[in-house]
Amino acid sequence: MKAWAIHVGKLLVSSFLLFLAVVTVLFFLLELAPGDPVQSLVGDVPISDAVREQIIAAYGLDQPAIVRYFTYLGNVLRGDLGYSYATNSQPVLDIILGRAGNTLALAVPAFVLSLVGGIVLGSIAARTRKRWLDSGISGTSVALFSVPNFWLGMLLIIVFAIWLDWLPTGGMAPYGQSGIQPQYLVLPVITMATTELAYKTRIMRSSMIESLGQDFIDTARSKGLSSSRVLWRHAMPNALLPMISVAGYSLGFILAGSILVERVFGWPGMGLLFFDAIERKNNMVVLGIVIVLTVTIIVVNILTDLVYGLVDPRLRARLMPQRREVAA
């Protein structure tokens, strides 16, 4: 268990250093960005120099950037993401949590769709004896992986919302209604899932081909097992090992990609909030959203590494070596 504890400790330390690097770089980049946070706070209303100085002093903007950085970092480590300049000093964490559910409503179905679809299509492409089917799936995967998701989203809107009038162009419910209507989920979920679906299909195809070429597959076939039993009981468990790592990183890419997708479809999630905060020079909200996404991705990646260490017998044997019994 000592090797396993060291492995977990390294993961935690490296993740914390990554977190510090992200917060540090983004904080000082926003400091260098043009704009006036005081004007974002008061809006378009003209204010006197005296009022401006009071606002600057109240938010600590008169202090050097390095002082404000360490103050902010200490608050973040305590779970305080600060207060929004542009929404009557509302806590940033409350604003983000109010939008997080809408983002997850897109990210979770997109993640499941890309994972299941990638496993199925990759297995079909690896197992089929029809060259045209394998070439079609592989070629389509490469093409879809190369398409920017925001461009794909606009294309889907033009085809299915404007030309065919089957689905709404954006939003999450008809005007005047609250909640999320299912038909409003279709286009943004497909847009978010497509790139990751294509990537997972390629990974699963390669992994399945490698698994089907192993010696234990030949042994299973020599025992007279059916092709489906060889595929699902023997080849599939080994082919799924790389997908564990891919699935963990995929969720991070989906969450990051939701920023552009939400903008295209007018979906009121964290992505749309992020764009609005950038336009209004609301640095605390920008920092808060990036921190929440960073922490989420780091936690998912840590869990992915731990699960992979438990599932992969080679890594499990290295991290948790079995004690050899000494014969009496």
C-alpha atoms as a PDB file:
ATOM      1  CA  MET A   1       0.000   0.000   0.000  1.00  0.00           C
ATOM      2  CA  LYS A   2       3.004   2.318   0.362  1.00  0.00           C
ATOM      3  CA  ALA A   3       3.477   2.516  -3.418  1.00  0.00           C
ATOM      4  CA  TRP A   4      -0.241   3.249  -3.835  1.00  0.00           C
ATOM      5  CA  ALA A   5      -0.089   6.033  -1.214  1.00  0.00           C
ATOM      6  CA  ILE A   6       2.939   7.574  -2.949  1.00  0.00           C
ATOM      7  CA  HIS A   7       1.100   7.421  -6.278  1.00  0.00           C
ATOM      8  CA  VAL A   8      -1.958   9.191  -4.834  1.00  0.00           C
ATOM      9  CA  GLY A   9       0.249  11.761  -3.123  1.00  0.00           C
ATOM     10  CA  LYS A  10       2.009  12.585  -6.390  1.00  0.00           C
ATOM     11  CA  LEU A  11      -1.348  12.999  -8.115  1.00  0.00           C
ATOM     12  CA  LEU A  12      -2.583  15.402  -5.444  1.00  0.00           C
ATOM     13  CA  VAL A  13       0.607  17.475  -5.390  1.00  0.00           C
ATOM     14  CA  SER A  14       0.825  17.779  -9.175  1.00  0.00           C
ATOM     15  CA  SER A  15      -2.881  18.664  -9.353  1.00  0.00           C
ATOM     16  CA  PHE A  16      -2.490  21.380  -6.715  1.00  0.00           C
ATOM     17  CA  LEU A  17       0.507  22.863  -8.550  1.00  0.00           C
ATOM     18  CA  LEU A  18      -1.505  22.854 -11.781  1.00  0.00           C
ATOM     19  CA  PHE A  19      -4.346  24.627  -9.981  1.00  0.00           C
ATOM     20  CA  LEU A  20      -1.981  27.314  -8.680  1.00  0.00           C
ATOM     21  CA  ALA A  21      -0.496  27.795 -12.140  1.00  0.00           C
ATOM     22  CA  VAL A  22      -3.921  28.263 -13.756  1.00  0.00           C
ATOM     23  CA  VAL A  23      -5.071  30.783 -11.133  1.00  0.00           C
ATOM     24  CA  THR A  24      -1.795  32.719 -11.272  1.00  0.00           C
ATOM     25  CA  VAL A  25      -1.552  32.977 -15.056  1.00  0.00           C
ATOM     26  CA  LEU A  26      -5.193  33.938 -15.539  1.00  0.00           C
ATOM     27  CA  PHE A  27      -5.176  36.497 -12.698  1.00  0.00           C
ATOM     28  CA  PHE A  28      -2.288  38.471 -14.162  1.00  0.00           C
ATOM     29  CA  LEU A  29      -3.538  38.119 -17.740  1.00  0.00           C
ATOM     30  CA  LEU A  30      -6.813  39.717 -16.681  1.00  0.00           C
ATOM     31  CA  GLU A  31      -4.844  42.447 -14.939  1.00  0.00           C
ATOM     32  CA  LEU A  32      -3.157  43.283 -18.242  1.00  0.00           C
ATOM     33  CA  ALA A  33      -6.398  43.182 -20.243  1.00  0.00           C
ATOM     34  CA  PRO A  34      -7.923  46.538 -21.223  1.00  0.00           C
ATOM     35  CA  GLY A  35     -11.127  47.735 -19.585  1.00  0.00           C
ATOM     36  CA  ASP A  36     -12.451  49.481 -16.510  1.00  0.00           C
ATOM     37  CA  PRO A  37     -13.912  47.248 -13.760  1.00  0.00           C
ATOM     38  CA  VAL A  38     -15.323  50.293 -11.961  1.00  0.00           C
ATOM     39  CA  GLN A  39     -17.393  51.234 -14.997  1.00  0.00           C
ATOM     40  CA  SER A  40     -18.575  47.617 -15.198  1.00  0.00           C
ATOM     41  CA  LEU A  41     -19.786  47.935 -11.632  1.00  0.00           C
ATOM     42  CA  VAL A  42     -21.787  51.122 -12.121  1.00  0.00           C
ATOM     43  CA  GLY A  43     -22.850  50.528 -15.718  1.00  0.00           C
ATOM     44  CA  ASP A  44     -23.257  53.430 -18.147  1.00  0.00           C
ATOM     45  CA  VAL A  45     -24.007  55.932 -15.388  1.00  0.00           C
ATOM     46  CA  PRO A  46     -21.373  58.706 -15.216  1.00  0.00           C
ATOM     47  CA  ILE A  47     -19.712  59.002 -11.811  1.00  0.00           C
ATOM     48  CA  SER A  48     -17.524  61.599 -10.170  1.00  0.00           C
ATOM     49  CA  ASP A  49     -13.887  61.080  -9.277  1.00  0.00           C
ATOM     50  CA  ALA A  50     -14.759  60.951  -5.585  1.00  0.00           C
ATOM     51  CA  VAL A  51     -17.260  58.118  -6.104  1.00  0.00           C
ATOM     52  CA  ARG A  52     -14.768  56.294  -8.299  1.00  0.00           C
ATOM     53  CA  GLU A  53     -12.107  56.500  -5.603  1.00  0.00           C
ATOM     54  CA  GLN A  54     -14.564  55.176  -3.010  1.00  0.00           C
ATOM     55  CA  ILE A  55     -15.427  52.189  -5.211  1.00  0.00           C
ATOM     56  CA  ILE A  56     -11.748  51.499  -5.897  1.00  0.00           C
ATOM     57  CA  ALA A  57     -10.966  51.574  -2.186  1.00  0.00           C
ATOM     58  CA  ALA A  58     -14.000  49.426  -1.281  1.00  0.00           C
ATOM     59  CA  TYR A  59     -12.934  46.632  -3.660  1.00  0.00           C
ATOM     60  CA  GLY A  60      -9.224  46.945  -2.896  1.00  0.00           C
ATOM     61  CA  LEU A  61      -8.386  47.973  -6.453  1.00  0.00           C
ATOM     62  CA  ASP A  62      -5.998  50.623  -5.138  1.00  0.00           C
ATOM     63  CA  GLN A  63      -3.611  47.965  -3.870  1.00  0.00           C
ATOM     64  CA  PRO A  64      -0.735  46.554  -5.962  1.00  0.00           C
ATOM     65  CA  ALA A  65      -1.579  43.587  -8.182  1.00  0.00           C
ATOM     66  CA  ILE A  66       0.699  41.232  -6.253  1.00  0.00           C
ATOM     67  CA  VAL A  67      -1.053  42.084  -2.979  1.00  0.00           C
ATOM     68  CA  ARG A  68      -4.473  41.544  -4.512  1.00  0.00           C
ATOM     69  CA  TYR A  69      -3.276  38.258  -5.999  1.00  0.00           C
ATOM     70  CA  PHE A  70      -2.235  36.750  -2.679  1.00  0.00           C
ATOM     71  CA  THR A  71      -5.399  38.068  -1.029  1.00  0.00           C
ATOM     72  CA  TYR A  72      -7.521  36.493  -3.754  1.00  0.00           C
ATOM     73  CA  LEU A  73      -5.577  33.222  -3.649  1.00  0.00           C
ATOM     74  CA  GLY A  74      -6.090  32.962   0.109  1.00  0.00           C
ATOM     75  CA  ASN A  75      -9.818  33.568  -0.314  1.00  0.00           C
ATOM     76  CA  VAL A  76     -10.040  30.939  -3.077  1.00  0.00           C
ATOM     77  CA  LEU A  77      -8.361  28.326  -0.903  1.00  0.00           C
ATOM     78  CA  ARG A  78     -11.067  29.012   1.689  1.00  0.00           C
ATOM     79  CA  GLY A  79     -13.816  28.596  -0.920  1.00  0.00           C
ATOM     80  CA  ASP A  80     -14.496  32.320  -1.440  1.00  0.00           C
ATOM     81  CA  LEU A  81     -14.407  33.302  -5.126  1.00  0.00           C
ATOM     82  CA  GLY A  82     -15.076  36.966  -4.447  1.00  0.00           C
ATOM     83  CA  TYR A  83     -17.915  39.234  -5.507  1.00  0.00           C
ATOM     84  CA  SER A  84     -19.149  40.217  -8.932  1.00  0.00           C
ATOM     85  CA  TYR A  85     -18.461  43.770 -10.060  1.00  0.00           C
ATOM     86  CA  ALA A  86     -21.471  43.919 -12.344  1.00  0.00           C
ATOM     87  CA  THR A  87     -24.288  42.274 -10.345  1.00  0.00           C
ATOM     88  CA  ASN A  88     -24.621  44.326  -7.174  1.00  0.00           C
ATOM     89  CA  SER A  89     -21.733  42.588  -5.410  1.00  0.00           C
ATOM     90  CA  GLN A  90     -23.385  39.168  -5.588  1.00  0.00           C
ATOM     91  CA  PRO A  91     -21.080  36.298  -4.555  1.00  0.00           C
ATOM     92  CA  VAL A  92     -19.407  34.811  -7.615  1.00  0.00           C
ATOM     93  CA  LEU A  93     -19.886  31.242  -6.380  1.00  0.00           C
ATOM     94  CA  ASP A  94     -23.662  31.764  -6.118  1.00  0.00           C
ATOM     95  CA  ILE A  95     -23.783  33.126  -9.672  1.00  0.00           C
ATOM     96  CA  ILE A  96     -21.830  30.173 -11.054  1.00  0.00           C
ATOM     97  CA  LEU A  97     -23.829  27.562  -9.160  1.00  0.00           C
ATOM     98  CA  GLY A  98     -27.001  29.141 -10.531  1.00  0.00           C
ATOM     99  CA  ARG A  99     -25.786  28.368 -14.062  1.00  0.00           C
ATOM    100  CA  ALA A 100     -23.898  25.105 -13.435  1.00  0.00           C
ATOM    101  CA  GLY A 101     -27.036  22.965 -13.611  1.00  0.00           C
ATOM    102  CA  ASN A 102     -27.832  24.209 -17.116  1.00  0.00           C
ATOM    103  CA  THR A 103     -24.307  23.415 -18.300  1.00  0.00           C
ATOM    104  CA  LEU A 104     -24.440  19.918 -16.797  1.00  0.00           C
ATOM    105  CA  ALA A 105     -27.784  19.366 -18.536  1.00  0.00           C
ATOM    106  CA  LEU A 106     -25.837  19.576 -21.810  1.00  0.00           C
ATOM    107  CA  ALA A 107     -22.495  18.097 -20.740  1.00  0.00           C
ATOM    108  CA  VAL A 108     -23.756  14.875 -19.143  1.00  0.00           C
ATOM    109  CA  PRO A 109     -25.914  13.676 -22.091  1.00  0.00           C
ATOM    110  CA  ALA A 110     -23.149  14.697 -24.515  1.00  0.00           C
ATOM    111  CA  PHE A 111     -20.598  12.734 -22.491  1.00  0.00           C
ATOM    112  CA  VAL A 112     -22.776   9.602 -22.329  1.00  0.00           C
ATOM    113  CA  LEU A 113     -23.656   9.834 -26.031  1.00  0.00           C
ATOM    114  CA  SER A 114     -20.024  10.212 -27.091  1.00  0.00           C
ATOM    115  CA  LEU A 115     -18.831   7.402 -24.797  1.00  0.00           C
ATOM    116  CA  VAL A 116     -21.458   4.815 -25.738  1.00  0.00           C
ATOM    117  CA  GLY A 117     -21.422   5.784 -29.401  1.00  0.00           C
ATOM    118  CA  GLY A 118     -17.632   5.705 -29.547  1.00  0.00           C
ATOM    119  CA  ILE A 119     -17.471   2.231 -28.009  1.00  0.00           C
ATOM    120  CA  VAL A 120     -20.160   0.818 -30.333  1.00  0.00           C
ATOM    121  CA  LEU A 121     -18.923   2.408 -33.564  1.00  0.00           C
ATOM    122  CA  GLY A 122     -15.267   1.680 -32.782  1.00  0.00           C
ATOM    123  CA  SER A 123     -16.056  -1.973 -32.078  1.00  0.00           C
ATOM    124  CA  ILE A 124     -18.054  -2.287 -35.300  1.00  0.00           C
ATOM    125  CA  ALA A 125     -15.257  -0.710 -37.351  1.00  0.00           C
ATOM    126  CA  ALA A 126     -12.667  -3.047 -35.809  1.00  0.00           C
ATOM    127  CA  ARG A 127     -14.716  -6.233 -36.092  1.00  0.00           C
ATOM    128  CA  THR A 128     -16.441  -5.810 -39.453  1.00  0.00           C
ATOM    129  CA  ARG A 129     -15.138  -7.649 -42.480  1.00  0.00           C
ATOM    130  CA  LYS A 130     -16.741  -5.077 -44.802  1.00  0.00           C
ATOM    131  CA  ARG A 131     -14.013  -2.696 -45.832  1.00  0.00           C
ATOM    132  CA  TRP A 132     -16.455   0.008 -46.939  1.00  0.00           C
ATOM    133  CA  LEU A 133     -18.074   0.082 -43.486  1.00  0.00           C
ATOM    134  CA  ASP A 134     -14.743   0.359 -41.684  1.00  0.00           C
ATOM    135  CA  SER A 135     -13.561   3.055 -44.111  1.00  0.00           C
ATOM    136  CA  GLY A 136     -16.836   4.937 -43.777  1.00  0.00           C
ATOM    137  CA  ILE A 137     -16.774   4.977 -39.978  1.00  0.00           C
ATOM    138  CA  SER A 138     -13.059   5.850 -39.823  1.00  0.00           C
ATOM    139  CA  GLY A 139     -13.278   8.545 -42.488  1.00  0.00           C
ATOM    140  CA  THR A 140     -16.338  10.142 -40.939  1.00  0.00           C
ATOM    141  CA  SER A 141     -14.650  10.129 -37.537  1.00  0.00           C
ATOM    142  CA  VAL A 142     -11.609  11.965 -38.895  1.00  0.00           C
ATOM    143  CA  ALA A 143     -13.832  14.507 -40.665  1.00  0.00           C
ATOM    144  CA  LEU A 144     -16.015  15.181 -37.608  1.00  0.00           C
ATOM    145  CA  PHE A 145     -13.006  15.421 -35.322  1.00  0.00           C
ATOM    146  CA  SER A 146     -11.626  18.185 -37.575  1.00  0.00           C
ATOM    147  CA  VAL A 147     -14.812  20.277 -37.551  1.00  0.00           C
ATOM    148  CA  PRO A 148     -15.002  23.106 -34.945  1.00  0.00           C
ATOM    149  CA  ASN A 149     -18.024  22.548 -32.739  1.00  0.00           C
ATOM    150  CA  PHE A 150     -19.254  26.152 -33.019  1.00  0.00           C
ATOM    151  CA  TRP A 151     -19.271  25.865 -36.835  1.00  0.00           C
ATOM    152  CA  LEU A 152     -21.088  22.537 -36.616  1.00  0.00           C
ATOM    153  CA  GLY A 153     -23.627  24.097 -34.252  1.00  0.00           C
ATOM    154  CA  MET A 154     -24.393  26.901 -36.700  1.00  0.00           C
ATOM    155  CA  LEU A 155     -24.696  24.376 -39.538  1.00  0.00           C
ATOM    156  CA  LEU A 156     -27.178  22.290 -37.534  1.00  0.00           C
ATOM    157  CA  ILE A 157     -29.217  25.411 -36.771  1.00  0.00           C
ATOM    158  CA  ILE A 158     -29.383  26.307 -40.465  1.00  0.00           C
ATOM    159  CA  VAL A 159     -30.424  22.798 -41.542  1.00  0.00           C
ATOM    160  CA  PHE A 160     -32.713  21.565 -38.758  1.00  0.00           C
ATOM    161  CA  ALA A 161     -34.052  24.809 -37.313  1.00  0.00           C
ATOM    162  CA  ILE A 162     -34.280  27.171 -40.283  1.00  0.00           C
ATOM    163  CA  TRP A 163     -34.622  24.988 -43.388  1.00  0.00           C
ATOM    164  CA  LEU A 164     -36.540  22.026 -41.967  1.00  0.00           C
ATOM    165  CA  ASP A 165     -38.092  23.839 -38.986  1.00  0.00           C
ATOM    166  CA  TRP A 166     -37.903  20.668 -36.881  1.00  0.00           C
ATOM    167  CA  LEU A 167     -36.132  22.056 -33.836  1.00  0.00           C
ATOM    168  CA  PRO A 168     -35.732  25.451 -32.117  1.00  0.00           C
ATOM    169  CA  THR A 169     -32.774  27.652 -32.943  1.00  0.00           C
ATOM    170  CA  GLY A 170     -31.691  28.249 -29.363  1.00  0.00           C
ATOM    171  CA  GLY A 171     -32.591  28.842 -25.752  1.00  0.00           C
ATOM    172  CA  MET A 172     -33.841  26.217 -23.341  1.00  0.00           C
ATOM    173  CA  ALA A 173     -37.621  26.741 -23.388  1.00  0.00           C
ATOM    174  CA  PRO A 174     -40.255  28.759 -25.277  1.00  0.00           C
ATOM    175  CA  TYR A 175     -40.612  32.410 -24.353  1.00  0.00           C
ATOM    176  CA  GLY A 176     -42.393  32.861 -21.057  1.00  0.00           C
ATOM    177  CA  GLN A 177     -41.802  29.272 -19.886  1.00  0.00           C
ATOM    178  CA  SER A 178     -39.268  28.077 -17.323  1.00  0.00           C
ATOM    179  CA  GLY A 179     -37.305  24.853 -17.119  1.00  0.00           C
ATOM    180  CA  ILE A 180     -35.608  22.859 -19.867  1.00  0.00           C
ATOM    181  CA  GLN A 181     -37.681  21.505 -22.739  1.00  0.00           C
ATOM    182  CA  PRO A 182     -36.313  18.285 -24.340  1.00  0.00           C
ATOM    183  CA  GLN A 183     -36.448  19.566 -27.921  1.00  0.00           C
ATOM    184  CA  TYR A 184     -34.123  22.426 -26.975  1.00  0.00           C
ATOM    185  CA  LEU A 185     -31.458  19.931 -25.867  1.00  0.00           C
ATOM    186  CA  VAL A 186     -31.117  18.036 -29.146  1.00  0.00           C
ATOM    187  CA  LEU A 187     -28.952  20.350 -31.245  1.00  0.00           C
ATOM    188  CA  PRO A 188     -26.552  21.584 -28.538  1.00  0.00           C
ATOM    189  CA  VAL A 189     -26.041  18.052 -27.152  1.00  0.00           C
ATOM    190  CA  ILE A 190     -25.277  16.681 -30.619  1.00  0.00           C
ATOM    191  CA  THR A 191     -22.890  19.576 -31.243  1.00  0.00           C
ATOM    192  CA  MET A 192     -21.037  18.991 -27.973  1.00  0.00           C
ATOM    193  CA  ALA A 193     -20.880  15.210 -28.425  1.00  0.00           C
ATOM    194  CA  THR A 194     -19.791  15.011 -32.060  1.00  0.00           C
ATOM    195  CA  THR A 195     -16.076  15.823 -31.733  1.00  0.00           C
ATOM    196  CA  GLU A 196     -15.601  13.560 -28.710  1.00  0.00           C
ATOM    197  CA  LEU A 197     -17.650  10.805 -30.369  1.00  0.00           C
ATOM    198  CA  ALA A 198     -15.323  10.877 -33.371  1.00  0.00           C
ATOM    199  CA  TYR A 199     -12.220  10.820 -31.166  1.00  0.00           C
ATOM    200  CA  LYS A 200     -13.487   7.943 -28.997  1.00  0.00           C
ATOM    201  CA  THR A 201     -14.458   5.949 -32.090  1.00  0.00           C
ATOM    202  CA  ARG A 202     -10.890   6.147 -33.395  1.00  0.00           C
ATOM    203  CA  ILE A 203      -9.420   5.197 -30.009  1.00  0.00           C
ATOM    204  CA  MET A 204     -11.829   2.281 -29.544  1.00  0.00           C
ATOM    205  CA  ARG A 205     -11.200   0.971 -33.058  1.00  0.00           C
ATOM    206  CA  SER A 206      -7.429   0.922 -32.543  1.00  0.00           C
ATOM    207  CA  SER A 207      -7.742  -0.606 -29.089  1.00  0.00           C
ATOM    208  CA  MET A 208     -10.152  -3.301 -30.287  1.00  0.00           C
ATOM    209  CA  ILE A 209      -7.934  -4.242 -33.240  1.00  0.00           C
ATOM    210  CA  GLU A 210      -4.976  -4.602 -30.881  1.00  0.00           C
ATOM    211  CA  SER A 211      -7.023  -6.658 -28.432  1.00  0.00           C
ATOM    212  CA  LEU A 212      -8.345  -8.977 -31.152  1.00  0.00           C
ATOM    213  CA  GLY A 213      -4.769  -9.670 -32.238  1.00  0.00           C
ATOM    214  CA  GLN A 214      -3.619 -10.974 -28.850  1.00  0.00           C
ATOM    215  CA  ASP A 215      -2.717 -14.611 -28.202  1.00  0.00           C
ATOM    216  CA  PHE A 216      -5.506 -15.147 -25.683  1.00  0.00           C
ATOM    217  CA  ILE A 217      -8.048 -14.334 -28.411  1.00  0.00           C
ATOM    218  CA  ASP A 218      -6.605 -17.128 -30.569  1.00  0.00           C
ATOM    219  CA  THR A 219      -6.834 -19.452 -27.583  1.00  0.00           C
ATOM    220  CA  ALA A 220     -10.476 -18.521 -27.016  1.00  0.00           C
ATOM    221  CA  ARG A 221     -11.296 -19.141 -30.671  1.00  0.00           C
ATOM    222  CA  SER A 222      -9.492 -22.498 -30.614  1.00  0.00           C
ATOM    223  CA  LYS A 223     -11.821 -23.586 -27.816  1.00  0.00           C
ATOM    224  CA  GLY A 224     -14.757 -23.171 -30.174  1.00  0.00           C
ATOM    225  CA  LEU A 225     -16.224 -20.022 -28.640  1.00  0.00           C
ATOM    226  CA  SER A 226     -18.547 -17.997 -30.842  1.00  0.00           C
ATOM    227  CA  SER A 227     -17.359 -14.726 -32.396  1.00  0.00           C
ATOM    228  CA  SER A 228     -19.737 -12.658 -30.270  1.00  0.00           C
ATOM    229  CA  ARG A 229     -18.590 -14.368 -27.065  1.00  0.00           C
ATOM    230  CA  VAL A 230     -14.939 -13.827 -27.979  1.00  0.00           C
ATOM    231  CA  LEU A 231     -15.677 -10.164 -28.683  1.00  0.00           C
ATOM    232  CA  TRP A 232     -17.736  -9.299 -25.588  1.00  0.00           C
ATOM    233  CA  ARG A 233     -16.208 -11.610 -22.958  1.00  0.00           C
ATOM    234  CA  HIS A 234     -12.535 -11.526 -23.935  1.00  0.00           C
ATOM    235  CA  ALA A 235     -11.639  -8.709 -26.341  1.00  0.00           C
ATOM    236  CA  MET A 236     -13.949  -5.996 -25.020  1.00  0.00           C
ATOM    237  CA  PRO A 237     -12.690  -5.817 -21.369  1.00  0.00           C
ATOM    238  CA  ASN A 238      -9.106  -5.348 -22.561  1.00  0.00           C
ATOM    239  CA  ALA A 239     -10.054  -2.903 -25.300  1.00  0.00           C
ATOM    240  CA  LEU A 240     -11.931  -0.732 -22.808  1.00  0.00           C
ATOM    241  CA  LEU A 241      -8.836   0.021 -20.702  1.00  0.00           C
ATOM    242  CA  PRO A 242      -7.673   2.974 -22.867  1.00  0.00           C
ATOM    243  CA  MET A 243     -11.238   4.286 -22.902  1.00  0.00           C
ATOM    244  CA  ILE A 244     -11.087   4.831 -19.136  1.00  0.00           C
ATOM    245  CA  SER A 245      -8.362   7.427 -19.560  1.00  0.00           C
ATOM    246  CA  VAL A 246     -10.010   8.907 -22.638  1.00  0.00           C
ATOM    247  CA  ALA A 247     -13.359   9.218 -20.833  1.00  0.00           C
ATOM    248  CA  GLY A 248     -11.833  11.218 -17.987  1.00  0.00           C
ATOM    249  CA  TYR A 249     -10.114  13.723 -20.247  1.00  0.00           C
ATOM    250  CA  SER A 250     -13.146  13.832 -22.525  1.00  0.00           C
ATOM    251  CA  LEU A 251     -15.368  15.311 -19.835  1.00  0.00           C
ATOM    252  CA  GLY A 252     -12.926  18.185 -19.460  1.00  0.00           C
ATOM    253  CA  PHE A 253     -12.971  18.876 -23.204  1.00  0.00           C
ATOM    254  CA  ILE A 254     -16.765  18.765 -23.252  1.00  0.00           C
ATOM    255  CA  LEU A 255     -17.017  21.266 -20.394  1.00  0.00           C
ATOM    256  CA  ALA A 256     -14.488  23.554 -22.058  1.00  0.00           C
ATOM    257  CA  GLY A 257     -16.259  23.260 -25.401  1.00  0.00           C
ATOM    258  CA  SER A 258     -19.594  24.134 -23.808  1.00  0.00           C
ATOM    259  CA  ILE A 259     -18.463  27.771 -23.658  1.00  0.00           C
ATOM    260  CA  LEU A 260     -18.689  28.191 -27.434  1.00  0.00           C
ATOM    261  CA  VAL A 261     -21.687  25.889 -27.842  1.00  0.00           C
ATOM    262  CA  GLU A 262     -23.729  27.804 -25.276  1.00  0.00           C
ATOM    263  CA  ARG A 263     -22.878  31.035 -27.055  1.00  0.00           C
ATOM    264  CA  VAL A 264     -24.058  29.672 -30.403  1.00  0.00           C
ATOM    265  CA  PHE A 265     -27.349  28.332 -29.036  1.00  0.00           C
ATOM    266  CA  GLY A 266     -27.992  31.057 -26.457  1.00  0.00           C
ATOM    267  CA  TRP A 267     -28.002  28.457 -23.698  1.00  0.00           C
ATOM    268  CA  PRO A 268     -27.966  30.183 -20.272  1.00  0.00           C
ATOM    269  CA  GLY A 269     -25.163  28.160 -18.712  1.00  0.00           C
ATOM    270  CA  MET A 270     -21.671  28.889 -17.465  1.00  0.00           C
ATOM    271  CA  GLY A 271     -20.386  29.360 -21.017  1.00  0.00           C
ATOM    272  CA  LEU A 272     -22.772  32.209 -21.795  1.00  0.00           C
ATOM    273  CA  LEU A 273     -22.024  33.682 -18.371  1.00  0.00           C
ATOM    274  CA  PHE A 274     -18.306  33.481 -19.192  1.00  0.00           C
ATOM    275  CA  PHE A 275     -18.710  35.460 -22.426  1.00  0.00           C
ATOM    276  CA  ASP A 276     -20.864  38.069 -20.703  1.00  0.00           C
ATOM    277  CA  ALA A 277     -18.289  38.459 -17.924  1.00  0.00           C
ATOM    278  CA  ILE A 278     -15.476  38.990 -20.453  1.00  0.00           C
ATOM    279  CA  GLU A 279     -17.433  41.621 -22.341  1.00  0.00           C
ATOM    280  CA  ARG A 280     -18.268  43.502 -19.123  1.00  0.00           C
ATOM    281  CA  LYS A 281     -14.745  43.244 -17.673  1.00  0.00           C
ATOM    282  CA  ASN A 282     -16.176  41.289 -14.753  1.00  0.00           C
ATOM    283  CA  ASN A 283     -12.858  39.691 -13.829  1.00  0.00           C
ATOM    284  CA  MET A 284     -14.049  37.992 -10.658  1.00  0.00           C
ATOM    285  CA  VAL A 285     -16.678  36.004 -12.552  1.00  0.00           C
ATOM    286  CA  VAL A 286     -14.191  35.086 -15.302  1.00  0.00           C
ATOM    287  CA  LEU A 287     -11.719  33.856 -12.703  1.00  0.00           C
ATOM    288  CA  GLY A 288     -14.436  32.027 -10.794  1.00  0.00           C
ATOM    289  CA  ILE A 289     -15.697  30.116 -13.832  1.00  0.00           C
ATOM    290  CA  VAL A 290     -12.187  29.064 -14.848  1.00  0.00           C
ATOM    291  CA  ILE A 291     -11.433  27.956 -11.278  1.00  0.00           C
ATOM    292  CA  VAL A 292     -14.628  25.887 -11.073  1.00  0.00           C
ATOM    293  CA  LEU A 293     -13.903  24.237 -14.440  1.00  0.00           C
ATOM    294  CA  THR A 294     -10.266  23.647 -13.481  1.00  0.00           C
ATOM    295  CA  VAL A 295     -11.172  22.033 -10.166  1.00  0.00           C
ATOM    296  CA  THR A 296     -13.814  19.873 -11.855  1.00  0.00           C
ATOM    297  CA  ILE A 297     -11.394  18.681 -14.530  1.00  0.00           C
ATOM    298  CA  ILE A 298      -8.636  18.027 -11.984  1.00  0.00           C
ATOM    299  CA  VAL A 299     -10.950  15.984  -9.745  1.00  0.00           C
ATOM    300  CA  VAL A 300     -12.221  13.953 -12.716  1.00  0.00           C
ATOM    301  CA  ASN A 301      -8.666  13.273 -13.898  1.00  0.00           C
ATOM    302  CA  ILE A 302      -7.556  12.194 -10.415  1.00  0.00           C
ATOM    303  CA  LEU A 303     -10.493   9.790 -10.178  1.00  0.00           C
ATOM    304  CA  THR A 304      -9.708   8.516 -13.674  1.00  0.00           C
ATOM    305  CA  ASP A 305      -6.084   7.809 -12.761  1.00  0.00           C
ATOM    306  CA  LEU A 306      -7.148   6.029  -9.577  1.00  0.00           C
ATOM    307  CA  VAL A 307      -9.730   3.894 -11.377  1.00  0.00           C
ATOM    308  CA  TYR A 308      -7.245   3.029 -14.110  1.00  0.00           C
ATOM    309  CA  GLY A 309      -4.740   1.991 -11.451  1.00  0.00           C
ATOM    310  CA  LEU A 310      -7.305  -0.364  -9.962  1.00  0.00           C
ATOM    311  CA  VAL A 311      -8.549  -1.794 -13.272  1.00  0.00           C
ATOM    312  CA  ASP A 312      -5.292  -2.258 -15.176  1.00  0.00           C
ATOM    313  CA  PRO A 313      -3.675  -5.420 -13.750  1.00  0.00           C
ATOM    314  CA  ARG A 314      -0.177  -4.302 -14.777  1.00  0.00           C
ATOM    315  CA  LEU A 315      -0.393  -0.982 -12.966  1.00  0.00           C
ATOM    316  CA  ARG A 316      -2.230  -2.584 -10.041  1.00  0.00           C
ATOM    317  CA  ALA A 317       0.562  -5.139  -9.638  1.00  0.00           C
ATOM    318  CA  ARG A 318       3.163  -2.368  -9.604  1.00  0.00           C
ATOM    319  CA  LEU A 319       1.308  -0.156  -7.124  1.00  0.00           C
ATOM    320  CA  MET A 320      -0.086  -2.894  -4.870  1.00  0.00           C
ATOM    321  CA  PRO A 321       2.299  -5.856  -5.057  1.00  0.00           C
ATOM    322  CA  GLN A 322       0.978  -8.978  -3.438  1.00  0.00           C
ATOM    323  CA  ARG A 323       2.880 -10.307  -0.463  1.00  0.00           C
ATOM    324  CA  ARG A 324       4.541 -13.598  -1.198  1.00  0.00           C
ATOM    325  CA  GLU A 325       3.776 -16.309   1.249  1.00  0.00           C
ATOM    326  CA  VAL A 326       6.909 -17.945   2.609  1.00  0.00           C
ATOM    327  CA  ALA A 327       6.588 -21.693   2.589  1.00  0.00           C
ATOM    328  CA  ALA A 328       7.073 -23.263   5.969  1.00  0.00           C
END
